[in-house]
């Protein structure tokens, strides 16, 4: 599994309510992506940043999802003006309290752990 942390600049003057409304609008896109295990939307008012913490089945899936079309969408929706940062981490284990499981990368890929 791959964890991906994405941050982007928010348009000056954009309120938390406006950002959250846009997050709600995009959530169905991520729920429909079979390679996206989980997405947590991020908001940092002090630094005027938005973003997401994603858990993906693979690095290739993460990179496919965040190509040029996605970058244009971020610029259009949030006014980031190309100020987007993406960091990837290998994620061998996830302790998930919501589903009360420890998920290992082989199990997330559909293989027995």
PDB file of N, CA and C in Angstrom:
ATOM      1  N   UNK A   1       0.849  -1.177   0.000  1.00  0.00           N
ATOM      2  CA  UNK A   1       0.000   0.000   0.000  1.00  0.00           C
ATOM      3  C   UNK A   1       0.889   1.232   0.000  1.00  0.00           C
ATOM      4  N   UNK A   2       0.312   2.312  -0.448  1.00  0.00           N
ATOM      5  CA  UNK A   2       1.013   3.592  -0.515  1.00  0.00           C
ATOM      6  C   UNK A   2       0.171   4.657   0.167  1.00  0.00           C
ATOM      7  N   UNK A   3       0.795   5.402   1.082  1.00  0.00           N
ATOM      8  CA  UNK A   3       0.165   6.599   1.630  1.00  0.00           C
ATOM      9  C   UNK A   3       0.687   7.779   0.823  1.00  0.00           C
ATOM     10  N   UNK A   4      -0.215   8.668   0.491  1.00  0.00           N
ATOM     11  CA  UNK A   4       0.133   9.854  -0.292  1.00  0.00           C
ATOM     12  C   UNK A   4      -0.412  11.066   0.444  1.00  0.00           C
ATOM     13  N   UNK A   5       0.464  12.019   0.709  1.00  0.00           N
ATOM     14  CA  UNK A   5       0.048  13.263   1.345  1.00  0.00           C
ATOM     15  C   UNK A   5       0.118  14.362   0.287  1.00  0.00           C
ATOM     16  N   UNK A   6      -1.014  15.005   0.052  1.00  0.00           N
ATOM     17  CA  UNK A   6      -1.120  16.066  -0.948  1.00  0.00           C
ATOM     18  C   UNK A   6      -1.508  17.355  -0.227  1.00  0.00           C
ATOM     19  N   UNK A   7      -0.799  18.431  -0.510  1.00  0.00           N
ATOM     20  CA  UNK A   7      -1.204  19.748  -0.031  1.00  0.00           C
ATOM     21  C   UNK A   7      -1.193  20.718  -1.198  1.00  0.00           C
ATOM     22  N   UNK A   8      -2.082  21.695  -1.111  1.00  0.00           N
ATOM     23  CA  UNK A   8      -2.146  22.738  -2.140  1.00  0.00           C
ATOM     24  C   UNK A   8      -2.601  24.044  -1.511  1.00  0.00           C
ATOM     25  N   UNK A   9      -2.143  25.141  -2.107  1.00  0.00           N
ATOM     26  CA  UNK A   9      -2.531  26.469  -1.655  1.00  0.00           C
ATOM     27  C   UNK A   9      -4.001  26.704  -1.956  1.00  0.00           C
ATOM     28  N   UNK A  10      -4.661  27.390  -1.036  1.00  0.00           N
ATOM     29  CA  UNK A  10      -6.051  27.792  -1.242  1.00  0.00           C
ATOM     30  C   UNK A  10      -6.108  29.245  -1.700  1.00  0.00           C
ATOM     31  N   UNK A  11      -7.095  29.527  -2.520  1.00  0.00           N
ATOM     32  CA  UNK A  11      -7.336  30.891  -2.989  1.00  0.00           C
ATOM     33  C   UNK A  11      -7.490  31.806  -1.773  1.00  0.00           C
ATOM     34  N   UNK A  12      -6.848  32.969  -1.800  1.00  0.00           N
ATOM     35  CA  UNK A  12      -6.965  33.925  -0.703  1.00  0.00           C
ATOM     36  C   UNK A  12      -8.426  34.273  -0.467  1.00  0.00           C
ATOM     37  N   UNK A  13      -8.815  34.319   0.792  1.00  0.00           N
ATOM     38  CA  UNK A  13     -10.177  34.658   1.153  1.00  0.00           C
ATOM     39  C   UNK A  13     -11.133  33.471   1.182  1.00  0.00           C
ATOM     40  N   UNK A  14     -10.669  32.306   0.757  1.00  0.00           N
ATOM     41  CA  UNK A  14     -11.521  31.130   0.749  1.00  0.00           C
ATOM     42  C   UNK A  14     -11.806  30.709   2.196  1.00  0.00           C
ATOM     43  N   UNK A  15     -13.081  30.526   2.520  1.00  0.00           N
ATOM     44  CA  UNK A  15     -13.456  30.156   3.879  1.00  0.00           C
ATOM     45  C   UNK A  15     -13.433  28.639   4.060  1.00  0.00           C
ATOM     46  N   UNK A  16     -13.410  28.229   5.316  1.00  0.00           N
ATOM     47  CA  UNK A  16     -13.475  26.799   5.623  1.00  0.00           C
ATOM     48  C   UNK A  16     -14.745  26.196   5.044  1.00  0.00           C
ATOM     49  N   UNK A  17     -15.859  26.901   5.179  1.00  0.00           N
ATOM     50  CA  UNK A  17     -17.134  26.394   4.656  1.00  0.00           C
ATOM     51  C   UNK A  17     -17.073  26.183   3.146  1.00  0.00           C
ATOM     52  N   UNK A  18     -16.424  27.093   2.425  1.00  0.00           N
ATOM     53  CA  UNK A  18     -16.284  26.945   0.968  1.00  0.00           C
ATOM     54  C   UNK A  18     -15.418  25.730   0.623  1.00  0.00           C
ATOM     55  N   UNK A  19     -14.328  25.565   1.359  1.00  0.00           N
ATOM     56  CA  UNK A  19     -13.425  24.439   1.121  1.00  0.00           C
ATOM     57  C   UNK A  19     -14.148  23.125   1.394  1.00  0.00           C
ATOM     58  N   UNK A  20     -14.843  23.038   2.520  1.00  0.00           N
ATOM     59  CA  UNK A  20     -15.550  21.803   2.877  1.00  0.00           C
ATOM     60  C   UNK A  20     -16.640  21.489   1.855  1.00  0.00           C
ATOM     61  N   UNK A  21     -17.322  22.509   1.348  1.00  0.00           N
ATOM     62  CA  UNK A  21     -18.350  22.285   0.313  1.00  0.00           C
ATOM     63  C   UNK A  21     -17.728  21.667  -0.937  1.00  0.00           C
ATOM     64  N   UNK A  22     -16.544  22.128  -1.313  1.00  0.00           N
ATOM     65  CA  UNK A  22     -15.858  21.546  -2.473  1.00  0.00           C
ATOM     66  C   UNK A  22     -15.393  20.121  -2.170  1.00  0.00           C
ATOM     67  N   UNK A  23     -14.944  19.883  -0.959  1.00  0.00           N
ATOM     68  CA  UNK A  23     -14.561  18.527  -0.571  1.00  0.00           C
ATOM     69  C   UNK A  23     -15.751  17.573  -0.704  1.00  0.00           C
ATOM     70  N   UNK A  24     -16.907  18.023  -0.226  1.00  0.00           N
ATOM     71  CA  UNK A  24     -18.105  17.174  -0.340  1.00  0.00           C
ATOM     72  C   UNK A  24     -18.418  16.870  -1.798  1.00  0.00           C
ATOM     73  N   UNK A  25     -18.214  17.843  -2.657  1.00  0.00           N
ATOM     74  CA  UNK A  25     -18.492  17.680  -4.088  1.00  0.00           C
ATOM     75  C   UNK A  25     -17.563  16.657  -4.736  1.00  0.00           C
ATOM     76  N   UNK A  26     -16.316  16.591  -4.272  1.00  0.00           N
ATOM     77  CA  UNK A  26     -15.353  15.675  -4.888  1.00  0.00           C
ATOM     78  C   UNK A  26     -15.319  14.297  -4.232  1.00  0.00           C
ATOM     79  N   UNK A  27     -15.880  14.149  -3.050  1.00  0.00           N
ATOM     80  CA  UNK A  27     -15.822  12.859  -2.340  1.00  0.00           C
ATOM     81  C   UNK A  27     -16.346  11.691  -3.179  1.00  0.00           C
ATOM     82  N   UNK A  28     -17.441  11.849  -3.936  1.00  0.00           N
ATOM     83  CA  UNK A  28     -17.909  10.712  -4.747  1.00  0.00           C
ATOM     84  C   UNK A  28     -16.895  10.238  -5.788  1.00  0.00           C
ATOM     85  N   UNK A  29     -16.051  11.140  -6.285  1.00  0.00           N
ATOM     86  CA  UNK A  29     -15.013  10.743  -7.247  1.00  0.00           C
ATOM     87  C   UNK A  29     -14.051   9.750  -6.617  1.00  0.00           C
ATOM     88  N   UNK A  30     -13.661  10.003  -5.371  1.00  0.00           N
ATOM     89  CA  UNK A  30     -12.694   9.140  -4.692  1.00  0.00           C
ATOM     90  C   UNK A  30     -13.345   7.853  -4.229  1.00  0.00           C
ATOM     91  N   UNK A  31     -14.604   7.919  -3.841  1.00  0.00           N
ATOM     92  CA  UNK A  31     -15.299   6.697  -3.424  1.00  0.00           C
ATOM     93  C   UNK A  31     -15.494   5.761  -4.608  1.00  0.00           C
ATOM     94  N   UNK A  32     -15.556   6.319  -5.818  1.00  0.00           N
ATOM     95  CA  UNK A  32     -15.750   5.508  -7.022  1.00  0.00           C
ATOM     96  C   UNK A  32     -14.446   4.915  -7.550  1.00  0.00           C
ATOM     97  N   UNK A  33     -13.312   5.351  -7.038  1.00  0.00           N
ATOM     98  CA  UNK A  33     -12.016   4.863  -7.513  1.00  0.00           C
ATOM     99  C   UNK A  33     -11.665   3.571  -6.772  1.00  0.00           C
ATOM    100  N   UNK A  34     -11.657   2.436  -7.454  1.00  0.00           N
ATOM    101  CA  UNK A  34     -11.423   1.151  -6.775  1.00  0.00           C
ATOM    102  C   UNK A  34     -10.010   0.999  -6.217  1.00  0.00           C
ATOM    103  N   UNK A  35      -9.075   1.828  -6.655  1.00  0.00           N
ATOM    104  CA  UNK A  35      -7.701   1.739  -6.158  1.00  0.00           C
ATOM    105  C   UNK A  35      -7.459   2.602  -4.926  1.00  0.00           C
ATOM    106  N   UNK A  36      -8.403   3.481  -4.612  1.00  0.00           N
ATOM    107  CA  UNK A  36      -8.289   4.349  -3.442  1.00  0.00           C
ATOM    108  C   UNK A  36      -8.949   3.652  -2.262  1.00  0.00           C
ATOM    109  N   UNK A  37      -8.147   3.279  -1.284  1.00  0.00           N
ATOM    110  CA  UNK A  37      -8.662   2.592  -0.103  1.00  0.00           C
ATOM    111  C   UNK A  37      -9.336   3.592   0.835  1.00  0.00           C
ATOM    112  N   UNK A  38      -8.709   4.749   1.015  1.00  0.00           N
ATOM    113  CA  UNK A  38      -9.230   5.751   1.931  1.00  0.00           C
ATOM    114  C   UNK A  38      -8.668   7.121   1.562  1.00  0.00           C
ATOM    115  N   UNK A  39      -9.482   8.155   1.778  1.00  0.00           N
ATOM    116  CA  UNK A  39      -9.007   9.526   1.641  1.00  0.00           C
ATOM    117  C   UNK A  39      -9.491  10.323   2.835  1.00  0.00           C
ATOM    118  N   UNK A  40      -8.575  11.040   3.463  1.00  0.00           N
ATOM    119  CA  UNK A  40      -8.898  11.987   4.521  1.00  0.00           C
ATOM    120  C   UNK A  40      -8.634  13.377   3.958  1.00  0.00           C
ATOM    121  N   UNK A  41      -9.633  14.215   3.963  1.00  0.00           N
ATOM    122  CA  UNK A  41      -9.468  15.588   3.482  1.00  0.00           C
ATOM    123  C   UNK A  41      -8.806  16.430   4.568  1.00  0.00           C
ATOM    124  N   UNK A  42      -7.873  17.290   4.153  1.00  0.00           N
ATOM    125  CA  UNK A  42      -7.089  18.100   5.088  1.00  0.00           C
ATOM    126  C   UNK A  42      -7.382  19.586   4.880  1.00  0.00           C
ATOM    127  N   UNK A  43      -7.366  20.336   5.989  1.00  0.00           N
ATOM    128  CA  UNK A  43      -7.571  21.784   5.926  1.00  0.00           C
ATOM    129  C   UNK A  43      -6.695  22.442   6.986  1.00  0.00           C
ATOM    130  N   UNK A  44      -5.919  23.439   6.559  1.00  0.00           N
ATOM    131  CA  UNK A  44      -5.031  24.178   7.452  1.00  0.00           C
ATOM    132  C   UNK A  44      -5.288  25.664   7.238  1.00  0.00           C
ATOM    133  N   UNK A  45      -6.116  26.258   8.104  1.00  0.00           N
ATOM    134  CA  UNK A  45      -6.495  27.669   7.965  1.00  0.00           C
ATOM    135  C   UNK A  45      -5.300  28.595   8.135  1.00  0.00           C
ATOM    136  N   UNK A  46      -4.438  28.293   9.098  1.00  0.00           N
ATOM    137  CA  UNK A  46      -3.317  29.177   9.408  1.00  0.00           C
ATOM    138  C   UNK A  46      -2.366  29.333   8.224  1.00  0.00           C
ATOM    139  N   UNK A  47      -2.150  28.252   7.472  1.00  0.00           N
ATOM    140  CA  UNK A  47      -1.228  28.301   6.335  1.00  0.00           C
ATOM    141  C   UNK A  47      -1.942  28.354   4.999  1.00  0.00           C
ATOM    142  N   UNK A  48      -3.239  28.454   5.038  1.00  0.00           N
ATOM    143  CA  UNK A  48      -4.083  28.542   3.841  1.00  0.00           C
ATOM    144  C   UNK A  48      -3.824  27.376   2.880  1.00  0.00           C
ATOM    145  N   UNK A  49      -3.891  26.156   3.462  1.00  0.00           N
ATOM    146  CA  UNK A  49      -3.645  24.941   2.694  1.00  0.00           C
ATOM    147  C   UNK A  49      -4.845  24.004   2.755  1.00  0.00           C
ATOM    148  N   UNK A  50      -5.066  23.321   1.661  1.00  0.00           N
ATOM    149  CA  UNK A  50      -5.997  22.210   1.608  1.00  0.00           C
ATOM    150  C   UNK A  50      -5.201  20.991   1.210  1.00  0.00           C
ATOM    151  N   UNK A  51      -5.873  19.842   1.186  1.00  0.00           N
ATOM    152  CA  UNK A  51      -5.162  18.654   0.736  1.00  0.00           C
ATOM    153  C   UNK A  51      -5.870  17.382   1.111  1.00  0.00           C
ATOM    154  N   UNK A  52      -5.112  16.301   1.012  1.00  0.00           N
ATOM    155  CA  UNK A  52      -5.658  15.001   1.337  1.00  0.00           C
ATOM    156  C   UNK A  52      -4.569  14.036   1.752  1.00  0.00           C
ATOM    157  N   UNK A  53      -4.966  13.106   2.602  1.00  0.00           N
ATOM    158  CA  UNK A  53      -4.109  11.976   2.966  1.00  0.00           C
ATOM    159  C   UNK A  53      -4.811  10.748   2.401  1.00  0.00           C
ATOM    160  N   UNK A  54      -4.167  10.102   1.450  1.00  0.00           N
ATOM    161  CA  UNK A  54      -4.753   8.976   0.728  1.00  0.00           C
ATOM    162  C   UNK A  54      -4.054   7.688   1.112  1.00  0.00           C
ATOM    163  N   UNK A  55      -4.798   6.597   1.062  1.00  0.00           N
ATOM    164  CA  UNK A  55      -4.226   5.270   1.157  1.00  0.00           C
ATOM    165  C   UNK A  55      -4.590   4.560  -0.137  1.00  0.00           C
ATOM    166  N   UNK A  56      -3.570   4.160  -0.896  1.00  0.00           N
ATOM    167  CA  UNK A  56      -3.740   3.559  -2.220  1.00  0.00           C
ATOM    168  C   UNK A  56      -3.283   2.112  -2.229  1.00  0.00           C
ATOM    169  N   UNK A  57      -3.789   1.353  -3.187  1.00  0.00           N
ATOM    170  CA  UNK A  57      -3.339  -0.021  -3.376  1.00  0.00           C
ATOM    171  C   UNK A  57      -1.925  -0.066  -3.946  1.00  0.00           C
ATOM    172  N   UNK A  58      -1.550   0.973  -4.729  1.00  0.00           N
ATOM    173  CA  UNK A  58      -0.213   0.976  -5.337  1.00  0.00           C
ATOM    174  C   UNK A  58       0.221   2.400  -5.667  1.00  0.00           C
ATOM    175  N   UNK A  59       1.516   2.555  -5.864  1.00  0.00           N
ATOM    176  CA  UNK A  59       2.063   3.845  -6.282  1.00  0.00           C
ATOM    177  C   UNK A  59       1.545   4.219  -7.667  1.00  0.00           C
ATOM    178  N   UNK A  60       1.452   3.252  -8.554  1.00  0.00           N
ATOM    179  CA  UNK A  60       0.955   3.527  -9.908  1.00  0.00           C
ATOM    180  C   UNK A  60      -0.467   4.083  -9.861  1.00  0.00           C
ATOM    181  N   UNK A  61      -1.302   3.534  -8.985  1.00  0.00           N
ATOM    182  CA  UNK A  61      -2.680   4.020  -8.862  1.00  0.00           C
ATOM    183  C   UNK A  61      -2.702   5.466  -8.377  1.00  0.00           C
ATOM    184  N   UNK A  62      -1.864   5.785  -7.413  1.00  0.00           N
ATOM    185  CA  UNK A  62      -1.799   7.149  -6.891  1.00  0.00           C
ATOM    186  C   UNK A  62      -1.386   8.126  -7.988  1.00  0.00           C
ATOM    187  N   UNK A  63      -0.371   7.756  -8.737  1.00  0.00           N
ATOM    188  CA  UNK A  63       0.120   8.641  -9.800  1.00  0.00           C
ATOM    189  C   UNK A  63      -0.894   8.785 -10.931  1.00  0.00           C
ATOM    190  N   UNK A  64      -1.620   7.712 -11.259  1.00  0.00           N
ATOM    191  CA  UNK A  64      -2.674   7.804 -12.285  1.00  0.00           C
ATOM    192  C   UNK A  64      -3.758   8.796 -11.867  1.00  0.00           C
ATOM    193  N   UNK A  65      -4.122   8.750 -10.607  1.00  0.00           N
ATOM    194  CA  UNK A  65      -5.215   9.592 -10.115  1.00  0.00           C
ATOM    195  C   UNK A  65      -4.837  11.066 -10.043  1.00  0.00           C
ATOM    196  N   UNK A  66      -3.550  11.348  -9.921  1.00  0.00           N
ATOM    197  CA  UNK A  66      -3.123  12.733  -9.725  1.00  0.00           C
ATOM    198  C   UNK A  66      -2.254  13.244 -10.870  1.00  0.00           C
ATOM    199  N   UNK A  67      -2.767  13.062 -12.062  1.00  0.00           N
ATOM    200  CA  UNK A  67      -2.086  13.537 -13.261  1.00  0.00           C
ATOM    201  C   UNK A  67      -2.456  14.975 -13.601  1.00  0.00           C
ATOM    202  N   UNK A  68      -2.233  15.340 -14.833  1.00  0.00           N
ATOM    203  CA  UNK A  68      -2.457  16.723 -15.280  1.00  0.00           C
ATOM    204  C   UNK A  68      -3.907  17.167 -15.170  1.00  0.00           C
ATOM    205  N   UNK A  69      -4.862  16.298 -15.504  1.00  0.00           N
ATOM    206  CA  UNK A  69      -6.280  16.674 -15.413  1.00  0.00           C
ATOM    207  C   UNK A  69      -6.653  16.989 -13.969  1.00  0.00           C
ATOM    208  N   UNK A  70      -6.161  16.179 -13.037  1.00  0.00           N
ATOM    209  CA  UNK A  70      -6.427  16.424 -11.622  1.00  0.00           C
ATOM    210  C   UNK A  70      -5.800  17.745 -11.178  1.00  0.00           C
ATOM    211  N   UNK A  71      -4.573  18.023 -11.616  1.00  0.00           N
ATOM    212  CA  UNK A  71      -3.903  19.281 -11.254  1.00  0.00           C
ATOM    213  C   UNK A  71      -4.690  20.486 -11.760  1.00  0.00           C
ATOM    214  N   UNK A  72      -5.223  20.391 -12.968  1.00  0.00           N
ATOM    215  CA  UNK A  72      -6.056  21.482 -13.498  1.00  0.00           C
ATOM    216  C   UNK A  72      -7.319  21.656 -12.657  1.00  0.00           C
ATOM    217  N   UNK A  73      -7.913  20.538 -12.237  1.00  0.00           N
ATOM    218  CA  UNK A  73      -9.108  20.604 -11.402  1.00  0.00           C
ATOM    219  C   UNK A  73      -8.803  21.303 -10.074  1.00  0.00           C
ATOM    220  N   UNK A  74      -7.677  20.977  -9.466  1.00  0.00           N
ATOM    221  CA  UNK A  74      -7.284  21.608  -8.195  1.00  0.00           C
ATOM    222  C   UNK A  74      -7.088  23.106  -8.389  1.00  0.00           C
ATOM    223  N   UNK A  75      -6.413  23.480  -9.462  1.00  0.00           N
ATOM    224  CA  UNK A  75      -6.223  24.902  -9.753  1.00  0.00           C
ATOM    225  C   UNK A  75      -7.566  25.607  -9.933  1.00  0.00           C
ATOM    226  N   UNK A  76      -8.470  24.983 -10.688  1.00  0.00           N
ATOM    227  CA  UNK A  76      -9.783  25.585 -10.949  1.00  0.00           C
ATOM    228  C   UNK A  76     -10.624  25.699  -9.678  1.00  0.00           C
ATOM    229  N   UNK A  77     -10.682  24.629  -8.901  1.00  0.00           N
ATOM    230  CA  UNK A  77     -11.545  24.626  -7.717  1.00  0.00           C
ATOM    231  C   UNK A  77     -11.002  25.475  -6.575  1.00  0.00           C
ATOM    232  N   UNK A  78      -9.709  25.392  -6.326  1.00  0.00           N
ATOM    233  CA  UNK A  78      -9.142  25.987  -5.120  1.00  0.00           C
ATOM    234  C   UNK A  78      -8.218  27.165  -5.375  1.00  0.00           C
ATOM    235  N   UNK A  79      -7.927  27.452  -6.643  1.00  0.00           N
ATOM    236  CA  UNK A  79      -7.046  28.573  -6.954  1.00  0.00           C
ATOM    237  C   UNK A  79      -5.617  28.354  -6.514  1.00  0.00           C
ATOM    238  N   UNK A  80      -5.138  27.125  -6.600  1.00  0.00           N
ATOM    239  CA  UNK A  80      -3.806  26.786  -6.083  1.00  0.00           C
ATOM    240  C   UNK A  80      -2.668  27.329  -6.933  1.00  0.00           C
ATOM    241  N   UNK A  81      -2.977  27.716  -8.162  1.00  0.00           N
ATOM    242  CA  UNK A  81      -1.962  28.283  -9.061  1.00  0.00           C
ATOM    243  C   UNK A  81      -0.742  27.372  -9.173  1.00  0.00           C
ATOM    244  N   UNK A  82      -0.991  26.072  -9.240  1.00  0.00           N
ATOM    245  CA  UNK A  82       0.091  25.104  -9.414  1.00  0.00           C
ATOM    246  C   UNK A  82       0.898  24.807  -8.168  1.00  0.00           C
ATOM    247  N   UNK A  83       0.542  25.404  -7.036  1.00  0.00           N
ATOM    248  CA  UNK A  83       1.285  25.185  -5.791  1.00  0.00           C
ATOM    249  C   UNK A  83       0.752  23.933  -5.097  1.00  0.00           C
ATOM    250  N   UNK A  84       1.200  22.787  -5.607  1.00  0.00           N
ATOM    251  CA  UNK A  84       0.765  21.484  -5.136  1.00  0.00           C
ATOM    252  C   UNK A  84       1.993  20.673  -4.735  1.00  0.00           C
ATOM    253  N   UNK A  85       1.929  20.047  -3.567  1.00  0.00           N
ATOM    254  CA  UNK A  85       3.015  19.190  -3.095  1.00  0.00           C
ATOM    255  C   UNK A  85       2.462  17.794  -2.870  1.00  0.00           C
ATOM    256  N   UNK A  86       3.188  16.794  -3.362  1.00  0.00           N
ATOM    257  CA  UNK A  86       2.789  15.400  -3.186  1.00  0.00           C
ATOM    258  C   UNK A  86       3.969  14.614  -2.624  1.00  0.00           C
ATOM    259  N   UNK A  87       3.715  13.857  -1.558  1.00  0.00           N
ATOM    260  CA  UNK A  87       4.730  13.004  -0.946  1.00  0.00           C
ATOM    261  C   UNK A  87       4.152  11.599  -0.811  1.00  0.00           C
ATOM    262  N   UNK A  88       4.963  10.585  -1.138  1.00  0.00           N
ATOM    263  CA  UNK A  88       4.544   9.189  -1.086  1.00  0.00           C
ATOM    264  C   UNK A  88       5.314   8.448   0.008  1.00  0.00           C
ATOM    265  N   UNK A  89       4.629   7.511   0.648  1.00  0.00           N
ATOM    266  CA  UNK A  89       5.238   6.662   1.670  1.00  0.00           C
ATOM    267  C   UNK A  89       4.778   5.224   1.462  1.00  0.00           C
ATOM    268  N   UNK A  90       5.686   4.278   1.572  1.00  0.00           N
ATOM    269  CA  UNK A  90       5.274   2.880   1.632  1.00  0.00           C
ATOM    270  C   UNK A  90       4.494   2.703   2.929  1.00  0.00           C
ATOM    271  N   UNK A  91       3.442   1.897   2.867  1.00  0.00           N
ATOM    272  CA  UNK A  91       2.584   1.697   4.039  1.00  0.00           C
ATOM    273  C   UNK A  91       2.362   0.199   4.232  1.00  0.00           C
ATOM    274  N   UNK A  92       3.259  -0.455   4.943  1.00  0.00           N
ATOM    275  CA  UNK A  92       3.140  -1.901   5.085  1.00  0.00           C
ATOM    276  C   UNK A  92       2.014  -2.346   6.018  1.00  0.00           C
ATOM    277  N   UNK A  93       1.651  -1.485   6.999  1.00  0.00           N
ATOM    278  CA  UNK A  93       0.618  -1.858   7.970  1.00  0.00           C
ATOM    279  C   UNK A  93      -0.219  -0.625   8.314  1.00  0.00           C
ATOM    280  N   UNK A  94      -1.536  -0.851   8.457  1.00  0.00           N
ATOM    281  CA  UNK A  94      -2.459   0.190   8.901  1.00  0.00           C
ATOM    282  C   UNK A  94      -3.212  -0.344  10.109  1.00  0.00           C
ATOM    283  N   UNK A  95      -3.161   0.375  11.218  1.00  0.00           N
ATOM    284  CA  UNK A  95      -3.978   0.048  12.392  1.00  0.00           C
ATOM    285  C   UNK A  95      -5.260   0.853  12.257  1.00  0.00           C
ATOM    286  N   UNK A  96      -6.351   0.195  11.925  1.00  0.00           N
ATOM    287  CA  UNK A  96      -7.614   0.872  11.609  1.00  0.00           C
ATOM    288  C   UNK A  96      -8.616   0.648  12.738  1.00  0.00           C
ATOM    289  N   UNK A  97      -8.838   1.660  13.530  1.00  0.00           N
ATOM    290  CA  UNK A  97      -9.757   1.553  14.662  1.00  0.00           C
ATOM    291  C   UNK A  97     -11.215   1.582  14.227  1.00  0.00           C
ATOM    292  N   UNK A  98     -11.511   2.166  13.086  1.00  0.00           N
ATOM    293  CA  UNK A  98     -12.894   2.219  12.622  1.00  0.00           C
ATOM    294  C   UNK A  98     -13.442   0.825  12.329  1.00  0.00           C
ATOM    295  N   UNK A  99     -12.642   0.030  11.624  1.00  0.00           N
ATOM    296  CA  UNK A  99     -13.081  -1.342  11.309  1.00  0.00           C
ATOM    297  C   UNK A  99     -12.482  -2.362  12.285  1.00  0.00           C
ATOM    298  N   UNK A 100     -11.733  -1.862  13.281  1.00  0.00           N
ATOM    299  CA  UNK A 100     -11.147  -2.710  14.319  1.00  0.00           C
ATOM    300  C   UNK A 100     -10.275  -3.813  13.713  1.00  0.00           C
ATOM    301  N   UNK A 101      -9.388  -3.405  12.778  1.00  0.00           N
ATOM    302  CA  UNK A 101      -8.499  -4.354  12.123  1.00  0.00           C
ATOM    303  C   UNK A 101      -7.107  -3.766  11.970  1.00  0.00           C
ATOM    304  N   UNK A 102      -6.149  -4.665  11.893  1.00  0.00           N
ATOM    305  CA  UNK A 102      -4.817  -4.300  11.432  1.00  0.00           C
ATOM    306  C   UNK A 102      -4.723  -4.832  10.011  1.00  0.00           C
ATOM    307  N   UNK A 103      -4.491  -3.919   9.076  1.00  0.00           N
ATOM    308  CA  UNK A 103      -4.495  -4.269   7.658  1.00  0.00           C
ATOM    309  C   UNK A 103      -3.054  -4.285   7.167  1.00  0.00           C
ATOM    310  N   UNK A 104      -2.652  -5.399   6.584  1.00  0.00           N
ATOM    311  CA  UNK A 104      -1.310  -5.500   6.022  1.00  0.00           C
ATOM    312  C   UNK A 104      -1.400  -5.386   4.518  1.00  0.00           C
ATOM    313  N   UNK A 105      -0.326  -4.906   3.895  1.00  0.00           N
ATOM    314  CA  UNK A 105      -0.361  -4.577   2.475  1.00  0.00           C
ATOM    315  C   UNK A 105      -0.812  -5.728   1.590  1.00  0.00           C
ATOM    316  N   UNK A 106      -0.421  -6.957   1.871  1.00  0.00           N
ATOM    317  CA  UNK A 106      -0.844  -8.079   1.035  1.00  0.00           C
ATOM    318  C   UNK A 106      -2.357  -8.290   1.095  1.00  0.00           C
ATOM    319  N   UNK A 107      -2.937  -8.091   2.281  1.00  0.00           N
ATOM    320  CA  UNK A 107      -4.384  -8.249   2.433  1.00  0.00           C
ATOM    321  C   UNK A 107      -5.125  -7.167   1.678  1.00  0.00           C
ATOM    322  N   UNK A 108      -4.611  -5.940   1.680  1.00  0.00           N
ATOM    323  CA  UNK A 108      -5.257  -4.834   0.967  1.00  0.00           C
ATOM    324  C   UNK A 108      -5.225  -5.051  -0.543  1.00  0.00           C
ATOM    325  N   UNK A 109      -4.233  -5.761  -1.018  1.00  0.00           N
ATOM    326  CA  UNK A 109      -4.125  -6.041  -2.457  1.00  0.00           C
ATOM    327  C   UNK A 109      -4.930  -7.274  -2.849  1.00  0.00           C
ATOM    328  N   UNK A 110      -5.620  -7.875  -1.862  1.00  0.00           N
ATOM    329  CA  UNK A 110      -6.446  -9.044  -2.152  1.00  0.00           C
ATOM    330  C   UNK A 110      -5.726 -10.365  -1.976  1.00  0.00           C
ATOM    331  N   UNK A 111      -4.534 -10.320  -1.395  1.00  0.00           N
ATOM    332  CA  UNK A 111      -3.756 -11.546  -1.147  1.00  0.00           C
ATOM    333  C   UNK A 111      -3.836 -11.871   0.336  1.00  0.00           C
ATOM    334  N   UNK A 112      -3.686 -13.101   0.671  1.00  0.00           N
ATOM    335  CA  UNK A 112      -3.664 -13.479   2.073  1.00  0.00           C
ATOM    336  C   UNK A 112      -2.388 -12.962   2.717  1.00  0.00           C
ATOM    337  N   UNK A 113      -2.530 -12.369   3.894  1.00  0.00           N
ATOM    338  CA  UNK A 113      -1.356 -11.811   4.595  1.00  0.00           C
ATOM    339  C   UNK A 113      -0.607 -12.898   5.330  1.00  0.00           C
TER     340      UNK A 113
END
